[in-house]
Amino acid sequence: MKIDITNVVRTNGIYTSQLWKGYYAAEVIVKAGENYLRVRYPYDVRADAECALEQIKQKKSEIKTPAYKPLVHLMDKRGERVL
């Protein structure tokens, strides 16, 4: 599934990744049809994560390439993760 980052609803910031040790994750909420997705883009350098988040805020169609494929979670209308 291709995620359209121009449909970002909210940017949540940058987190120290627990899944990818020593990496930083830029996290955003994206609207995909009727659903909302929480997407975390992993970067090995914090400056790269900040750059990607800034590109997302500017509604650019392409962002800095993450180190790995992004982690995606389906969210409900309250903002809770759906299992």
C-alpha atoms as a PDB file:
ATOM      1  CA  MET A   1       0.000   0.000   0.000  1.00  0.00           C
ATOM      2  CA  LYS A   2       1.335   3.417  -0.945  1.00  0.00           C
ATOM      3  CA  ILE A   3       0.840   6.112   1.686  1.00  0.00           C
ATOM      4  CA  ASP A   4      -0.002   9.575   0.360  1.00  0.00           C
ATOM      5  CA  ILE A   5       1.865  11.907   2.706  1.00  0.00           C
ATOM      6  CA  THR A   6       0.028  14.920   1.316  1.00  0.00           C
ATOM      7  CA  ASN A   7      -3.002  13.658   3.316  1.00  0.00           C
ATOM      8  CA  VAL A   8      -1.274  14.141   6.683  1.00  0.00           C
ATOM      9  CA  VAL A   9      -3.760  15.182   9.348  1.00  0.00           C
ATOM     10  CA  ARG A  10      -1.288  15.694  12.205  1.00  0.00           C
ATOM     11  CA  THR A  11       2.437  15.473  12.895  1.00  0.00           C
ATOM     12  CA  ASN A  12       3.209  13.874  16.259  1.00  0.00           C
ATOM     13  CA  GLY A  13       6.923  14.644  16.385  1.00  0.00           C
ATOM     14  CA  ILE A  14      10.090  12.612  16.640  1.00  0.00           C
ATOM     15  CA  TYR A  15      10.548   9.648  18.941  1.00  0.00           C
ATOM     16  CA  THR A  16      13.467   7.445  19.908  1.00  0.00           C
ATOM     17  CA  SER A  17      12.499   4.203  18.248  1.00  0.00           C
ATOM     18  CA  GLN A  18      12.011   1.108  20.405  1.00  0.00           C
ATOM     19  CA  LEU A  19      11.634  -1.164  17.383  1.00  0.00           C
ATOM     20  CA  TRP A  20      14.784   0.071  15.626  1.00  0.00           C
ATOM     21  CA  LYS A  21      17.401   0.511  18.394  1.00  0.00           C
ATOM     22  CA  GLY A  22      19.467   3.678  17.987  1.00  0.00           C
ATOM     23  CA  TYR A  23      17.076   5.119  15.404  1.00  0.00           C
ATOM     24  CA  TYR A  24      14.661   8.040  15.449  1.00  0.00           C
ATOM     25  CA  ALA A  25      11.099   7.835  14.163  1.00  0.00           C
ATOM     26  CA  ALA A  26       9.178  10.734  12.603  1.00  0.00           C
ATOM     27  CA  GLU A  27       5.509  10.046  13.406  1.00  0.00           C
ATOM     28  CA  VAL A  28       2.464  11.354  11.527  1.00  0.00           C
ATOM     29  CA  ILE A  29      -1.266  10.598  11.264  1.00  0.00           C
ATOM     30  CA  VAL A  30      -2.463  10.133   7.667  1.00  0.00           C
ATOM     31  CA  LYS A  31      -6.051   9.954   6.378  1.00  0.00           C
ATOM     32  CA  ALA A  32      -6.494   7.056   3.966  1.00  0.00           C
ATOM     33  CA  GLY A  33     -10.067   6.881   2.695  1.00  0.00           C
ATOM     34  CA  GLU A  34     -12.300   6.330   5.744  1.00  0.00           C
ATOM     35  CA  ASN A  35      -9.364   5.236   7.907  1.00  0.00           C
ATOM     36  CA  TYR A  36      -6.586   6.953   9.788  1.00  0.00           C
ATOM     37  CA  LEU A  37      -3.077   5.513   9.828  1.00  0.00           C
ATOM     38  CA  ARG A  38      -0.284   6.226  12.303  1.00  0.00           C
ATOM     39  CA  VAL A  39       2.942   6.084  10.312  1.00  0.00           C
ATOM     40  CA  ARG A  40       6.453   6.062  11.785  1.00  0.00           C
ATOM     41  CA  TYR A  41       9.370   6.715   9.435  1.00  0.00           C
ATOM     42  CA  PRO A  42      12.711   5.448  10.886  1.00  0.00           C
ATOM     43  CA  TYR A  43      15.983   7.374  10.450  1.00  0.00           C
ATOM     44  CA  ASP A  44      19.426   6.665  11.861  1.00  0.00           C
ATOM     45  CA  VAL A  45      20.188  10.383  12.358  1.00  0.00           C
ATOM     46  CA  ARG A  46      17.855  12.741  14.246  1.00  0.00           C
ATOM     47  CA  ALA A  47      18.530  15.546  11.733  1.00  0.00           C
ATOM     48  CA  ASP A  48      17.180  13.315   8.930  1.00  0.00           C
ATOM     49  CA  ALA A  49      13.991  12.655  10.915  1.00  0.00           C
ATOM     50  CA  GLU A  50      13.581  16.403  11.538  1.00  0.00           C
ATOM     51  CA  CYS A  51      14.134  17.099   7.823  1.00  0.00           C
ATOM     52  CA  ALA A  52      11.491  14.519   6.833  1.00  0.00           C
ATOM     53  CA  LEU A  53       9.006  15.956   9.336  1.00  0.00           C
ATOM     54  CA  GLU A  54       9.580  19.449   7.958  1.00  0.00           C
ATOM     55  CA  GLN A  55       9.049  18.198   4.386  1.00  0.00           C
ATOM     56  CA  ILE A  56       5.796  16.557   5.498  1.00  0.00           C
ATOM     57  CA  LYS A  57       4.625  19.788   7.146  1.00  0.00           C
ATOM     58  CA  GLN A  58       5.322  21.617   3.866  1.00  0.00           C
ATOM     59  CA  LYS A  59       3.051  19.071   2.075  1.00  0.00           C
ATOM     60  CA  LYS A  60       5.825  17.868  -0.242  1.00  0.00           C
ATOM     61  CA  SER A  61       4.944  14.735  -2.193  1.00  0.00           C
ATOM     62  CA  GLU A  62       8.375  13.160  -1.577  1.00  0.00           C
ATOM     63  CA  ILE A  63      10.319  13.020   1.679  1.00  0.00           C
ATOM     64  CA  LYS A  64      13.816  11.960   2.678  1.00  0.00           C
ATOM     65  CA  THR A  65      14.078   8.194   2.239  1.00  0.00           C
ATOM     66  CA  PRO A  66      13.801   6.392   5.591  1.00  0.00           C
ATOM     67  CA  ALA A  67      16.319   3.747   6.695  1.00  0.00           C
ATOM     68  CA  TYR A  68      13.612   1.041   6.694  1.00  0.00           C
ATOM     69  CA  LYS A  69      10.023   0.691   5.504  1.00  0.00           C
ATOM     70  CA  PRO A  70       7.696   2.758   7.695  1.00  0.00           C
ATOM     71  CA  LEU A  71       5.751   1.157  10.533  1.00  0.00           C
ATOM     72  CA  VAL A  72       1.986   1.610   9.964  1.00  0.00           C
ATOM     73  CA  HIS A  73      -0.874   1.151  12.455  1.00  0.00           C
ATOM     74  CA  LEU A  74      -4.592   1.440  11.743  1.00  0.00           C
ATOM     75  CA  MET A  75      -6.274   3.929  14.122  1.00  0.00           C
ATOM     76  CA  ASP A  76      -9.923   4.322  15.137  1.00  0.00           C
ATOM     77  CA  LYS A  77     -11.834   7.618  15.307  1.00  0.00           C
ATOM     78  CA  ARG A  78     -10.745   8.206  18.936  1.00  0.00           C
ATOM     79  CA  GLY A  79      -7.084   7.900  17.995  1.00  0.00           C
ATOM     80  CA  GLU A  80      -6.674   4.448  19.540  1.00  0.00           C
ATOM     81  CA  ARG A  81      -4.684   1.762  17.761  1.00  0.00           C
ATOM     82  CA  VAL A  82      -6.830  -1.002  16.239  1.00  0.00           C
ATOM     83  CA  LEU A  83      -5.416  -4.476  16.773  1.00  0.00           C
END
